[in-house]
C-alpha atoms as a PDB file:
ATOM      1  CA  MET A   1      -0.310 -13.652  23.324  1.00  0.00           C
ATOM      2  CA  LEU A   2      -1.681 -10.586  21.694  1.00  0.00           C
ATOM      3  CA  LYS A   3       2.007  -9.218  22.130  1.00  0.00           C
ATOM      4  CA  LYS A   4       3.690 -11.879  19.930  1.00  0.00           C
ATOM      5  CA  ILE A   5       1.081 -11.614  17.775  1.00  0.00           C
ATOM      6  CA  PHE A   6       0.969  -8.019  17.029  1.00  0.00           C
ATOM      7  CA  GLN A   7       5.344  -8.545  16.508  1.00  0.00           C
ATOM      8  CA  TRP A   8       4.952 -11.029  14.089  1.00  0.00           C
ATOM      9  CA  ILE A   9       3.025  -8.777  12.040  1.00  0.00           C
ATOM     10  CA  VAL A  10       4.539  -5.163  12.865  1.00  0.00           C
ATOM     11  CA  TYR A  11       8.711  -6.059  12.882  1.00  0.00           C
ATOM     12  CA  SER A  12      10.840  -7.525  10.605  1.00  0.00           C
ATOM     13  CA  SER A  13      10.923 -11.127   9.456  1.00  0.00           C
ATOM     14  CA  ALA A  14      14.537 -10.891   8.785  1.00  0.00           C
ATOM     15  CA  ASN A  15      15.541  -7.664  10.814  1.00  0.00           C
ATOM     16  CA  PRO A  16      13.509  -6.986  13.881  1.00  0.00           C
ATOM     17  CA  THR A  17      14.702  -2.858  13.768  1.00  0.00           C
ATOM     18  CA  LYS A  18      12.432  -3.150  11.596  1.00  0.00           C
ATOM     19  CA  VAL A  19       9.193  -2.100  10.158  1.00  0.00           C
ATOM     20  CA  SER A  20       7.608  -5.476   8.470  1.00  0.00           C
ATOM     21  CA  LEU A  21       6.559  -5.240   4.326  1.00  0.00           C
ATOM     22  CA  THR A  22       3.336  -6.846   5.627  1.00  0.00           C
ATOM     23  CA  LEU A  23       2.807  -3.925   7.097  1.00  0.00           C
ATOM     24  CA  LYS A  24       4.269  -1.346   4.343  1.00  0.00           C
ATOM     25  CA  GLY A  25       2.369  -3.297   1.385  1.00  0.00           C
ATOM     26  CA  ALA A  26      -0.387  -2.142   3.117  1.00  0.00           C
ATOM     27  CA  GLY A  27      -0.123   0.859   4.715  1.00  0.00           C
ATOM     28  CA  VAL A  28       0.843   1.704   0.193  1.00  0.00           C
ATOM     29  CA  THR A  29      -2.205   0.186  -0.667  1.00  0.00           C
ATOM     30  CA  VAL A  30      -4.150   2.166   1.643  1.00  0.00           C
ATOM     31  CA  ILE A  31      -2.805   5.091   1.100  1.00  0.00           C
ATOM     32  CA  GLY A  32      -4.234   4.197  -2.531  1.00  0.00           C
ATOM     33  CA  PHE A  33      -7.922   3.810  -2.245  1.00  0.00           C
ATOM     34  CA  LEU A  34      -7.065   7.639   0.201  1.00  0.00           C
ATOM     35  CA  VAL A  35      -7.015   9.013  -3.473  1.00  0.00           C
ATOM     36  CA  PRO A  36     -10.551   8.736  -4.505  1.00  0.00           C
ATOM     37  CA  VAL A  37     -12.009   9.534  -1.035  1.00  0.00           C
ATOM     38  CA  ILE A  38      -9.507  12.802  -0.460  1.00  0.00           C
ATOM     39  CA  GLY A  39     -10.837  13.722  -3.989  1.00  0.00           C
ATOM     40  CA  LEU A  40      -7.846  13.844  -6.281  1.00  0.00           C
ATOM     41  CA  THR A  41     -10.035  12.369  -8.967  1.00  0.00           C
ATOM     42  CA  HIS A  42     -12.951  14.704 -10.050  1.00  0.00           C
ATOM     43  CA  ILE A  43     -11.593  17.963  -9.759  1.00  0.00           C
ATOM     44  CA  ALA A  44     -13.163  20.766 -11.819  1.00  0.00           C
ATOM     45  CA  ILE A  45     -10.518  22.889 -12.881  1.00  0.00           C
ATOM     46  CA  GLY A  46     -11.649  26.767 -14.448  1.00  0.00           C
ATOM     47  CA  GLY A  47     -15.805  24.987 -14.118  1.00  0.00           C
ATOM     48  CA  ASP A  48     -15.788  22.911 -17.127  1.00  0.00           C
ATOM     49  CA  PRO A  49     -15.174  19.442 -16.355  1.00  0.00           C
ATOM     50  CA  SER A  50     -14.967  18.320 -20.022  1.00  0.00           C
ATOM     51  CA  THR A  51     -11.761  20.958 -20.345  1.00  0.00           C
ATOM     52  CA  VAL A  52      -8.926  18.425 -21.821  1.00  0.00           C
ATOM     53  CA  LEU A  53      -6.813  19.158 -18.500  1.00  0.00           C
ATOM     54  CA  ASN A  54      -9.581  18.050 -16.340  1.00  0.00           C
ATOM     55  CA  SER A  55      -9.159  14.970 -18.588  1.00  0.00           C
ATOM     56  CA  ILE A  56      -5.673  15.119 -18.324  1.00  0.00           C
ATOM     57  CA  LEU A  57      -6.083  14.811 -14.065  1.00  0.00           C
ATOM     58  CA  ASP A  58      -7.703  12.664 -14.039  1.00  0.00           C
ATOM     59  CA  SER A  59      -6.276   9.855 -15.859  1.00  0.00           C
ATOM     60  CA  ILE A  60      -3.502  10.538 -13.680  1.00  0.00           C
ATOM     61  CA  ALA A  61      -4.879  10.704 -10.841  1.00  0.00           C
ATOM     62  CA  SER A  62      -5.984   7.178 -11.982  1.00  0.00           C
ATOM     63  CA  ILE A  63      -2.770   5.449 -12.590  1.00  0.00           C
ATOM     64  CA  VAL A  64      -1.142   6.742  -9.749  1.00  0.00           C
ATOM     65  CA  GLN A  65      -4.081   5.716  -7.798  1.00  0.00           C
ATOM     66  CA  VAL A  66      -4.080   1.928  -9.341  1.00  0.00           C
ATOM     67  CA  ALA A  67       0.007   1.791  -8.855  1.00  0.00           C
ATOM     68  CA  LEU A  68       0.032   2.613  -5.321  1.00  0.00           C
ATOM     69  CA  THR A  69      -2.797  -0.163  -5.210  1.00  0.00           C
ATOM     70  CA  LEU A  70      -0.359  -2.474  -7.162  1.00  0.00           C
ATOM     71  CA  VAL A  71       2.478  -2.001  -6.167  1.00  0.00           C
ATOM     72  CA  GLY A  72       1.587  -1.514  -2.027  1.00  0.00           C
ATOM     73  CA  ALA A  73      -0.563  -5.315  -2.649  1.00  0.00           C
ATOM     74  CA  ILE A  74       2.539  -6.998  -4.291  1.00  0.00           C
ATOM     75  CA  VAL A  75       4.768  -5.714  -1.273  1.00  0.00           C
ATOM     76  CA  GLY A  76       3.123  -6.615   1.192  1.00  0.00           C
ATOM     77  CA  LEU A  77       2.373 -10.318  -0.151  1.00  0.00           C
ATOM     78  CA  TYR A  78       6.019 -10.750  -0.557  1.00  0.00           C
ATOM     79  CA  GLY A  79       6.273  -9.975   3.178  1.00  0.00           C
ATOM     80  CA  LEU A  80       3.824 -12.219   4.187  1.00  0.00           C
ATOM     81  CA  VAL A  81       4.448 -14.900   1.982  1.00  0.00           C
ATOM     82  CA  ARG A  82       8.337 -14.028   2.719  1.00  0.00           C
ATOM     83  CA  LYS A  83       7.314 -13.691   7.144  1.00  0.00           C
ATOM     84  CA  VAL A  84       5.127 -17.830   7.106  1.00  0.00           C
ATOM     85  CA  TRP A  85       8.022 -18.908   5.275  1.00  0.00           C
ATOM     86  CA  LEU A  86      10.646 -18.172   8.057  1.00  0.00           C
ATOM     87  CA  THR A  87       8.649 -18.573  10.410  1.00  0.00           C
ATOM     88  CA  VAL A  88       7.624 -22.122   9.282  1.00  0.00           C
ATOM     89  CA  THR A  89      11.551 -22.835   8.306  1.00  0.00           C
ATOM     90  CA  GLY A  90      12.131 -22.000  11.687  1.00  0.00           C
ATOM     91  CA  GLN A  91      14.736 -18.600  10.433  1.00  0.00           C
ATOM     92  CA  ASN A  92      12.043 -16.097  11.326  1.00  0.00           C
ATOM     93  CA  ILE A  93      14.983 -14.169  14.429  1.00  0.00           C
END
């Protein structure tokens, strides 16, 4: 039973030789959450945290974090909805 659930989550419902969009989206979302954890935001360059360069780097890191989280969530949600739809309609391979 657990093996079936694992396969349902991990493998694509459209092509069983590929990884599911749900899992790919979750991975991208996790990377987006890890951006601040690994310290890519608030890096002080030159010693003064109020410099323009530091503000630019903080802004870029924040934009990357939001973009990765948003794209990952959309891809994961689309993959989950597609997987459930194909399973309910019996089209899941």
